[in-house]
C-alpha atoms as a PDB file:
ATOM      1  CA  UNK A   1     102.772  91.132  96.949  1.00  0.00           C
ATOM      2  CA  UNK A   2     106.173  91.595  95.399  1.00  0.00           C
ATOM      3  CA  UNK A   3     107.016  93.048  92.049  1.00  0.00           C
ATOM      4  CA  UNK A   4     108.129  90.179  89.828  1.00  0.00           C
ATOM      5  CA  UNK A   5     110.659  91.081  87.125  1.00  0.00           C
ATOM      6  CA  UNK A   6     110.578  88.666  84.242  1.00  0.00           C
ATOM      7  CA  UNK A   7     114.062  88.285  82.816  1.00  0.00           C
ATOM      8  CA  UNK A   8     112.892  86.103  79.910  1.00  0.00           C
ATOM      9  CA  UNK A   9     112.049  88.092  76.781  1.00  0.00           C
ATOM     10  CA  UNK A  10     110.261  85.163  75.295  1.00  0.00           C
ATOM     11  CA  UNK A  11     107.623  85.123  78.067  1.00  0.00           C
ATOM     12  CA  UNK A  12     106.676  88.779  78.188  1.00  0.00           C
ATOM     13  CA  UNK A  13     103.282  89.921  76.876  1.00  0.00           C
ATOM     14  CA  UNK A  14     103.095  91.425  73.434  1.00  0.00           C
ATOM     15  CA  UNK A  15     102.876  95.205  73.523  1.00  0.00           C
ATOM     16  CA  UNK A  16      99.897  96.716  71.637  1.00  0.00           C
ATOM     17  CA  UNK A  17     100.650  99.645  69.321  1.00  0.00           C
ATOM     18  CA  UNK A  18      97.697 101.510  70.769  1.00  0.00           C
ATOM     19  CA  UNK A  19      94.877 100.808  73.198  1.00  0.00           C
ATOM     20  CA  UNK A  20      91.858 102.484  74.767  1.00  0.00           C
ATOM     21  CA  UNK A  21      91.452 103.297  78.436  1.00  0.00           C
ATOM     22  CA  UNK A  22      88.589 105.399  79.695  1.00  0.00           C
ATOM     23  CA  UNK A  23      87.660 106.202  76.141  1.00  0.00           C
ATOM     24  CA  UNK A  24      91.151 107.543  75.343  1.00  0.00           C
ATOM     25  CA  UNK A  25      93.389 105.993  72.749  1.00  0.00           C
ATOM     26  CA  UNK A  26      96.960 105.542  74.139  1.00  0.00           C
ATOM     27  CA  UNK A  27     100.274 105.182  72.362  1.00  0.00           C
ATOM     28  CA  UNK A  28     103.996 104.870  73.198  1.00  0.00           C
ATOM     29  CA  UNK A  29     103.960 101.311  74.446  1.00  0.00           C
ATOM     30  CA  UNK A  30     107.680 100.633  75.234  1.00  0.00           C
ATOM     31  CA  UNK A  31     108.082  97.649  77.505  1.00  0.00           C
ATOM     32  CA  UNK A  32     111.536  96.212  76.975  1.00  0.00           C
ATOM     33  CA  UNK A  33     112.859  92.975  78.492  1.00  0.00           C
ATOM     34  CA  UNK A  34     111.847  93.501  82.186  1.00  0.00           C
ATOM     35  CA  UNK A  35     108.115  93.708  82.308  1.00  0.00           C
ATOM     36  CA  UNK A  36     106.344  94.137  85.654  1.00  0.00           C
ATOM     37  CA  UNK A  37     103.831  91.539  86.649  1.00  0.00           C
ATOM     38  CA  UNK A  38     101.680  91.753  89.790  1.00  0.00           C
ATOM     39  CA  UNK A  39      99.115  89.820  91.711  1.00  0.00           C
ATOM     40  CA  UNK A  40      95.708  91.486  91.924  1.00  0.00           C
ATOM     41  CA  UNK A  41      95.036  94.814  93.533  1.00  0.00           C
ATOM     42  CA  UNK A  42      94.757  94.429  97.295  1.00  0.00           C
ATOM     43  CA  UNK A  43      92.312  96.860  98.780  1.00  0.00           C
ATOM     44  CA  UNK A  44      92.987  95.744 102.352  1.00  0.00           C
ATOM     45  CA  UNK A  45      94.578  97.172 105.412  1.00  0.00           C
ATOM     46  CA  UNK A  46      98.326  96.926 105.787  1.00  0.00           C
ATOM     47  CA  UNK A  47     100.693  97.657 108.649  1.00  0.00           C
ATOM     48  CA  UNK A  48     103.034  99.242 106.113  1.00  0.00           C
ATOM     49  CA  UNK A  49     102.683  99.093 102.322  1.00  0.00           C
ATOM     50  CA  UNK A  50     106.439  99.354 101.833  1.00  0.00           C
ATOM     51  CA  UNK A  51     107.229  96.063 103.576  1.00  0.00           C
ATOM     52  CA  UNK A  52     103.949  94.175 103.080  1.00  0.00           C
ATOM     53  CA  UNK A  53     102.977  94.994  99.513  1.00  0.00           C
ATOM     54  CA  UNK A  54     106.238  95.957  97.937  1.00  0.00           C
ATOM     55  CA  UNK A  55     108.310  93.450  99.863  1.00  0.00           C
ATOM     56  CA  UNK A  56     111.085  95.882 100.720  1.00  0.00           C
ATOM     57  CA  UNK A  57     113.491  94.982 103.497  1.00  0.00           C
ATOM     58  CA  UNK A  58     112.907  97.356 106.416  1.00  0.00           C
ATOM     59  CA  UNK A  59     116.327  96.530 107.831  1.00  0.00           C
ATOM     60  CA  UNK A  60     118.471  97.544 104.891  1.00  0.00           C
ATOM     61  CA  UNK A  61     121.303  99.874 105.870  1.00  0.00           C
ATOM     62  CA  UNK A  62     121.847 102.059 102.820  1.00  0.00           C
ATOM     63  CA  UNK A  63     125.310 103.407 103.695  1.00  0.00           C
ATOM     64  CA  UNK A  64     126.578  99.935 104.654  1.00  0.00           C
ATOM     65  CA  UNK A  65     125.081  98.359 101.548  1.00  0.00           C
ATOM     66  CA  UNK A  66     126.641 101.025  99.272  1.00  0.00           C
ATOM     67  CA  UNK A  67     130.056 100.428 100.830  1.00  0.00           C
ATOM     68  CA  UNK A  68     129.746  96.705 100.362  1.00  0.00           C
ATOM     69  CA  UNK A  69     128.660  97.262  96.774  1.00  0.00           C
ATOM     70  CA  UNK A  70     131.679  99.379  95.857  1.00  0.00           C
ATOM     71  CA  UNK A  71     134.234  97.282  97.733  1.00  0.00           C
ATOM     72  CA  UNK A  72     132.985  94.065  96.199  1.00  0.00           C
ATOM     73  CA  UNK A  73     132.700  95.587  92.764  1.00  0.00           C
ATOM     74  CA  UNK A  74     136.393  96.669  93.002  1.00  0.00           C
ATOM     75  CA  UNK A  75     137.234  93.002  93.778  1.00  0.00           C
ATOM     76  CA  UNK A  76     134.842  91.682  91.209  1.00  0.00           C
ATOM     77  CA  UNK A  77     136.627  93.541  88.426  1.00  0.00           C
ATOM     78  CA  UNK A  78     139.806  91.584  89.295  1.00  0.00           C
ATOM     79  CA  UNK A  79     137.787  88.358  89.800  1.00  0.00           C
ATOM     80  CA  UNK A  80     138.701  88.342  93.513  1.00  0.00           C
ATOM     81  CA  UNK A  81     135.228  88.777  95.023  1.00  0.00           C
ATOM     82  CA  UNK A  82     134.692  85.003  95.588  1.00  0.00           C
ATOM     83  CA  UNK A  83     131.196  85.254  94.122  1.00  0.00           C
ATOM     84  CA  UNK A  84     129.968  87.675  96.784  1.00  0.00           C
ATOM     85  CA  UNK A  85     129.277  90.569  94.400  1.00  0.00           C
ATOM     86  CA  UNK A  86     126.727  88.532  92.458  1.00  0.00           C
ATOM     87  CA  UNK A  87     125.153  87.551  95.782  1.00  0.00           C
ATOM     88  CA  UNK A  88     124.872  91.115  96.777  1.00  0.00           C
ATOM     89  CA  UNK A  89     123.316  92.060  93.450  1.00  0.00           C
ATOM     90  CA  UNK A  90     120.691  89.289  93.847  1.00  0.00           C
ATOM     91  CA  UNK A  91     119.566  90.990  97.022  1.00  0.00           C
ATOM     92  CA  UNK A  92     119.975  94.684  96.069  1.00  0.00           C
ATOM     93  CA  UNK A  93     118.636  94.679  92.508  1.00  0.00           C
ATOM     94  CA  UNK A  94     115.012  93.646  93.195  1.00  0.00           C
ATOM     95  CA  UNK A  95     114.926  95.893  96.317  1.00  0.00           C
ATOM     96  CA  UNK A  96     115.950  98.940  94.267  1.00  0.00           C
ATOM     97  CA  UNK A  97     113.633  98.117  91.372  1.00  0.00           C
ATOM     98  CA  UNK A  98     110.683  97.793  93.665  1.00  0.00           C
ATOM     99  CA  UNK A  99     111.565 100.784  95.776  1.00  0.00           C
ATOM    100  CA  UNK A 100     112.146 103.098  92.805  1.00  0.00           C
ATOM    101  CA  UNK A 101     108.911 101.987  91.235  1.00  0.00           C
ATOM    102  CA  UNK A 102     106.911 102.541  94.447  1.00  0.00           C
ATOM    103  CA  UNK A 103     108.530 105.957  95.088  1.00  0.00           C
ATOM    104  CA  UNK A 104     107.697 107.205  91.592  1.00  0.00           C
ATOM    105  CA  UNK A 105     104.039 106.200  91.983  1.00  0.00           C
ATOM    106  CA  UNK A 106     103.742 107.878  95.390  1.00  0.00           C
ATOM    107  CA  UNK A 107     105.113 111.163  94.057  1.00  0.00           C
ATOM    108  CA  UNK A 108     102.702 111.188  91.101  1.00  0.00           C
ATOM    109  CA  UNK A 109      99.727 111.681  93.483  1.00  0.00           C
ATOM    110  CA  UNK A 110     100.843 115.384  93.841  1.00  0.00           C
ATOM    111  CA  UNK A 111     100.125 115.980  90.120  1.00  0.00           C
ATOM    112  CA  UNK A 112      96.504 116.562  91.028  1.00  0.00           C
ATOM    113  CA  UNK A 113      97.480 119.852  92.731  1.00  0.00           C
ATOM    114  CA  UNK A 114     100.842 120.639  91.167  1.00  0.00           C
ATOM    115  CA  UNK A 115     100.189 120.422  87.418  1.00  0.00           C
ATOM    116  CA  UNK A 116      98.289 123.432  86.184  1.00  0.00           C
ATOM    117  CA  UNK A 117      97.384 121.989  82.792  1.00  0.00           C
ATOM    118  CA  UNK A 118      96.155 118.526  83.728  1.00  0.00           C
ATOM    119  CA  UNK A 119      95.279 117.839  80.115  1.00  0.00           C
ATOM    120  CA  UNK A 120      99.033 117.805  79.414  1.00  0.00           C
ATOM    121  CA  UNK A 121      99.481 114.570  81.474  1.00  0.00           C
ATOM    122  CA  UNK A 122      99.683 111.558  79.188  1.00  0.00           C
ATOM    123  CA  UNK A 123      96.573 109.427  79.217  1.00  0.00           C
ATOM    124  CA  UNK A 124      95.517 107.216  80.947  1.00  0.00           C
ATOM    125  CA  UNK A 125      97.783 108.535  83.763  1.00  0.00           C
ATOM    126  CA  UNK A 126      95.766 111.740  83.912  1.00  0.00           C
ATOM    127  CA  UNK A 127      92.647 109.739  84.566  1.00  0.00           C
ATOM    128  CA  UNK A 128      94.234 108.184  87.599  1.00  0.00           C
ATOM    129  CA  UNK A 129      95.519 111.566  88.746  1.00  0.00           C
ATOM    130  CA  UNK A 130      92.236 113.310  88.168  1.00  0.00           C
ATOM    131  CA  UNK A 131      90.122 110.924  90.238  1.00  0.00           C
ATOM    132  CA  UNK A 132      90.879 109.330  93.570  1.00  0.00           C
ATOM    133  CA  UNK A 133      88.738 106.411  92.473  1.00  0.00           C
ATOM    134  CA  UNK A 134      86.645 105.484  89.420  1.00  0.00           C
ATOM    135  CA  UNK A 135      83.431 103.467  89.317  1.00  0.00           C
ATOM    136  CA  UNK A 136      84.006 102.143  92.854  1.00  0.00           C
ATOM    137  CA  UNK A 137      87.303 100.682  91.753  1.00  0.00           C
ATOM    138  CA  UNK A 138      89.956 102.465  93.846  1.00  0.00           C
ATOM    139  CA  UNK A 139      92.779 100.838  91.919  1.00  0.00           C
ATOM    140  CA  UNK A 140      91.914 103.071  88.932  1.00  0.00           C
ATOM    141  CA  UNK A 141      92.664 106.317  90.668  1.00  0.00           C
ATOM    142  CA  UNK A 142      95.415 107.802  92.866  1.00  0.00           C
ATOM    143  CA  UNK A 143      94.538 108.709  96.426  1.00  0.00           C
ATOM    144  CA  UNK A 144      95.835 111.746  98.264  1.00  0.00           C
ATOM    145  CA  UNK A 145      97.329 109.286 100.788  1.00  0.00           C
ATOM    146  CA  UNK A 146     100.788 108.142  99.968  1.00  0.00           C
ATOM    147  CA  UNK A 147     100.444 104.538 101.234  1.00  0.00           C
ATOM    148  CA  UNK A 148      97.226 104.024  99.334  1.00  0.00           C
ATOM    149  CA  UNK A 149      98.736 105.432  96.128  1.00  0.00           C
ATOM    150  CA  UNK A 150     101.647 103.093  96.514  1.00  0.00           C
ATOM    151  CA  UNK A 151      99.197 100.236  96.241  1.00  0.00           C
ATOM    152  CA  UNK A 152      97.252 101.832  93.420  1.00  0.00           C
ATOM    153  CA  UNK A 153     100.421 102.482  91.413  1.00  0.00           C
ATOM    154  CA  UNK A 154     101.334  98.841  91.719  1.00  0.00           C
ATOM    155  CA  UNK A 155      98.103  97.922  89.995  1.00  0.00           C
ATOM    156  CA  UNK A 156      98.529 100.697  87.365  1.00  0.00           C
ATOM    157  CA  UNK A 157     101.989  99.455  86.462  1.00  0.00           C
ATOM    158  CA  UNK A 158     100.706  95.929  85.970  1.00  0.00           C
ATOM    159  CA  UNK A 159      98.050  97.201  83.541  1.00  0.00           C
ATOM    160  CA  UNK A 160     100.273  99.500  81.457  1.00  0.00           C
ATOM    161  CA  UNK A 161     103.748  98.062  81.840  1.00  0.00           C
ATOM    162  CA  UNK A 162     106.893 100.155  81.471  1.00  0.00           C
ATOM    163  CA  UNK A 163     105.130 102.764  79.371  1.00  0.00           C
ATOM    164  CA  UNK A 164     103.722 104.092  82.660  1.00  0.00           C
ATOM    165  CA  UNK A 165     107.290 105.177  83.593  1.00  0.00           C
ATOM    166  CA  UNK A 166     107.542 107.181  80.419  1.00  0.00           C
ATOM    167  CA  UNK A 167     104.254 108.888  81.245  1.00  0.00           C
ATOM    168  CA  UNK A 168     105.606 109.540  84.768  1.00  0.00           C
ATOM    169  CA  UNK A 169     108.713 111.239  83.290  1.00  0.00           C
ATOM    170  CA  UNK A 170     106.548 113.507  81.143  1.00  0.00           C
ATOM    171  CA  UNK A 171     104.239 114.321  84.038  1.00  0.00           C
ATOM    172  CA  UNK A 172     106.939 115.212  86.534  1.00  0.00           C
ATOM    173  CA  UNK A 173     108.340 117.952  84.253  1.00  0.00           C
ATOM    174  CA  UNK A 174     104.880 119.603  84.252  1.00  0.00           C
ATOM    175  CA  UNK A 175     104.977 120.134  88.012  1.00  0.00           C
ATOM    176  CA  UNK A 176     105.097 123.683  89.344  1.00  0.00           C
ATOM    177  CA  UNK A 177     106.039 125.047  92.764  1.00  0.00           C
ATOM    178  CA  UNK A 178     109.395 123.388  93.235  1.00  0.00           C
ATOM    179  CA  UNK A 179     108.730 121.163  96.228  1.00  0.00           C
ATOM    180  CA  UNK A 180     107.289 118.229  94.382  1.00  0.00           C
ATOM    181  CA  UNK A 181     107.962 116.364  91.140  1.00  0.00           C
ATOM    182  CA  UNK A 182     110.085 118.302  88.688  1.00  0.00           C
ATOM    183  CA  UNK A 183     113.293 117.321  86.844  1.00  0.00           C
ATOM    184  CA  UNK A 184     114.756 115.298  89.716  1.00  0.00           C
ATOM    185  CA  UNK A 185     111.743 113.018  89.898  1.00  0.00           C
ATOM    186  CA  UNK A 186     111.657 112.774  86.088  1.00  0.00           C
ATOM    187  CA  UNK A 187     115.260 111.565  86.312  1.00  0.00           C
ATOM    188  CA  UNK A 188     114.318 108.988  88.956  1.00  0.00           C
ATOM    189  CA  UNK A 189     111.569 107.585  86.715  1.00  0.00           C
ATOM    190  CA  UNK A 190     113.908 107.676  83.716  1.00  0.00           C
ATOM    191  CA  UNK A 191     116.570 105.701  85.603  1.00  0.00           C
ATOM    192  CA  UNK A 192     114.122 102.860  86.317  1.00  0.00           C
ATOM    193  CA  UNK A 193     112.742 102.982  82.761  1.00  0.00           C
ATOM    194  CA  UNK A 194     116.241 102.706  81.280  1.00  0.00           C
ATOM    195  CA  UNK A 195     116.841  99.554  83.366  1.00  0.00           C
ATOM    196  CA  UNK A 196     113.530  97.802  82.659  1.00  0.00           C
ATOM    197  CA  UNK A 197     113.718  98.584  78.912  1.00  0.00           C
ATOM    198  CA  UNK A 198     117.234  97.159  78.751  1.00  0.00           C
ATOM    199  CA  UNK A 199     119.216 100.354  78.236  1.00  0.00           C
ATOM    200  CA  UNK A 200     120.957 100.061  81.619  1.00  0.00           C
ATOM    201  CA  UNK A 201     122.660  96.944  82.876  1.00  0.00           C
ATOM    202  CA  UNK A 202     121.888  95.896  86.502  1.00  0.00           C
ATOM    203  CA  UNK A 203     125.229  97.346  87.662  1.00  0.00           C
ATOM    204  CA  UNK A 204     124.619 100.607  85.846  1.00  0.00           C
ATOM    205  CA  UNK A 205     121.199 100.882  87.379  1.00  0.00           C
ATOM    206  CA  UNK A 206     122.341 100.287  90.957  1.00  0.00           C
ATOM    207  CA  UNK A 207     125.341 102.581  90.556  1.00  0.00           C
ATOM    208  CA  UNK A 208     123.038 105.328  89.375  1.00  0.00           C
ATOM    209  CA  UNK A 209     120.518 104.739  92.142  1.00  0.00           C
ATOM    210  CA  UNK A 210     123.046 105.444  94.874  1.00  0.00           C
ATOM    211  CA  UNK A 211     123.327 109.071  93.868  1.00  0.00           C
ATOM    212  CA  UNK A 212     119.694 109.844  92.906  1.00  0.00           C
ATOM    213  CA  UNK A 213     118.247 112.906  94.650  1.00  0.00           C
ATOM    214  CA  UNK A 214     114.666 114.146  94.944  1.00  0.00           C
ATOM    215  CA  UNK A 215     113.735 117.592  96.202  1.00  0.00           C
ATOM    216  CA  UNK A 216     114.420 116.710  99.782  1.00  0.00           C
ATOM    217  CA  UNK A 217     117.709 114.797  99.583  1.00  0.00           C
ATOM    218  CA  UNK A 218     118.557 111.179  98.839  1.00  0.00           C
ATOM    219  CA  UNK A 219     115.590 109.505  97.206  1.00  0.00           C
ATOM    220  CA  UNK A 220     116.056 106.433  99.421  1.00  0.00           C
ATOM    221  CA  UNK A 221     114.556 108.239 102.396  1.00  0.00           C
ATOM    222  CA  UNK A 222     111.018 107.104 101.554  1.00  0.00           C
ATOM    223  CA  UNK A 223     111.902 103.774 103.128  1.00  0.00           C
ATOM    224  CA  UNK A 224     115.426 103.759 104.654  1.00  0.00           C
ATOM    225  CA  UNK A 225     117.767 105.890 106.690  1.00  0.00           C
ATOM    226  CA  UNK A 226     120.250 107.635 104.394  1.00  0.00           C
ATOM    227  CA  UNK A 227     122.773 108.978 106.932  1.00  0.00           C
ATOM    228  CA  UNK A 228     126.274 108.760 105.557  1.00  0.00           C
ATOM    229  CA  UNK A 229     125.401 108.008 101.987  1.00  0.00           C
ATOM    230  CA  UNK A 230     127.030 111.256 100.754  1.00  0.00           C
ATOM    231  CA  UNK A 231     130.256 110.294 102.510  1.00  0.00           C
ATOM    232  CA  UNK A 232     130.159 106.909 100.797  1.00  0.00           C
ATOM    233  CA  UNK A 233     129.714 108.387  97.352  1.00  0.00           C
ATOM    234  CA  UNK A 234     132.511 110.944  97.937  1.00  0.00           C
ATOM    235  CA  UNK A 235     134.859 108.210  99.111  1.00  0.00           C
ATOM    236  CA  UNK A 236     134.071 106.116  96.115  1.00  0.00           C
ATOM    237  CA  UNK A 237     134.713 109.022  93.800  1.00  0.00           C
ATOM    238  CA  UNK A 238     138.156 109.415  95.401  1.00  0.00           C
ATOM    239  CA  UNK A 239     138.724 105.641  95.296  1.00  0.00           C
ATOM    240  CA  UNK A 240     139.215 105.839  99.044  1.00  0.00           C
ATOM    241  CA  UNK A 241     138.579 102.199  99.755  1.00  0.00           C
ATOM    242  CA  UNK A 242     140.018 102.476 103.269  1.00  0.00           C
ATOM    243  CA  UNK A 243     137.227 104.961 104.080  1.00  0.00           C
ATOM    244  CA  UNK A 244     134.651 102.635 102.548  1.00  0.00           C
ATOM    245  CA  UNK A 245     135.890  99.783 104.760  1.00  0.00           C
ATOM    246  CA  UNK A 246     134.901 101.823 107.862  1.00  0.00           C
ATOM    247  CA  UNK A 247     131.301 101.958 106.629  1.00  0.00           C
ATOM    248  CA  UNK A 248     131.031  98.415 105.233  1.00  0.00           C
ATOM    249  CA  UNK A 249     129.828  95.208 106.807  1.00  0.00           C
ATOM    250  CA  UNK A 250     132.610  93.892 109.034  1.00  0.00           C
ATOM    251  CA  UNK A 251     132.924  90.636 107.029  1.00  0.00           C
ATOM    252  CA  UNK A 252     133.236  92.564 103.722  1.00  0.00           C
ATOM    253  CA  UNK A 253     135.732  94.991 105.181  1.00  0.00           C
ATOM    254  CA  UNK A 254     137.854  92.126 106.587  1.00  0.00           C
ATOM    255  CA  UNK A 255     137.761  90.331 103.267  1.00  0.00           C
ATOM    256  CA  UNK A 256     138.713  93.435 101.267  1.00  0.00           C
ATOM    257  CA  UNK A 257     141.634  94.375 103.498  1.00  0.00           C
ATOM    258  CA  UNK A 258     142.873  90.818 103.485  1.00  0.00           C
ATOM    259  CA  UNK A 259     142.767  90.429  99.711  1.00  0.00           C
ATOM    260  CA  UNK A 260     144.206  93.863  99.030  1.00  0.00           C
ATOM    261  CA  UNK A 261     146.852  93.564 101.745  1.00  0.00           C
ATOM    262  CA  UNK A 262     145.672  96.731 103.541  1.00  0.00           C
ATOM    263  CA  UNK A 263     146.349  97.237 107.232  1.00  0.00           C
ATOM    264  CA  UNK A 264     143.687  99.355 108.928  1.00  0.00           C
ATOM    265  CA  UNK A 265     142.019  99.463 112.280  1.00  0.00           C
ATOM    266  CA  UNK A 266     138.368  98.451 111.796  1.00  0.00           C
END
């Protein structure tokens, strides 16, 4: 089931100032305009949670999509994109929201072994981290298996909204050992939180996502091949749009060179 982002502030649930979960009173409910809603928890087999449960596109080409994004945005600024930038955003935005959310949840499973003072993890997140399942309800705990945790986090986010992302930020900075969690993952969680709470616009969110790094490189590598993304970002920084055209979709590259009057061999 896909993550549904509700863009209507009038329809979102009312946040409670505090609530109780597992006997613990919880605070810091900060939901913002984009509140996650999910279907129920699916405790069933799946060929791949990324595609089946989070509805990610297994065929997305990150480097090509990044090139298309920056070329079309350059045209969009001058109102020359013929509506294609908005079309690209309609595709990319929900993909990146769902992917970032899923990746954050998967990394949190390591807190069980990487946070020395588990009591420092905000509740009720520490309950999910502490137990792989509670009262025969596996959706209330985080498994040691990444794919299972991706499903469990989906349920957890539905229950606690965007506050869960704030808890994730605070938990990641408690990690020790260097290979998991830490400041980079806290930044990934913060980037999504800033979008769903309205601090980042969709374009700001996507632009930030391209350069996000976890401890092993581009954070996109939990689902997609990231070869070439560093070259794309470098070219964009230099405003080397000719270089971007060589990575972009052929139709977008042709459109860009035509509109800008650039002669290159594609």
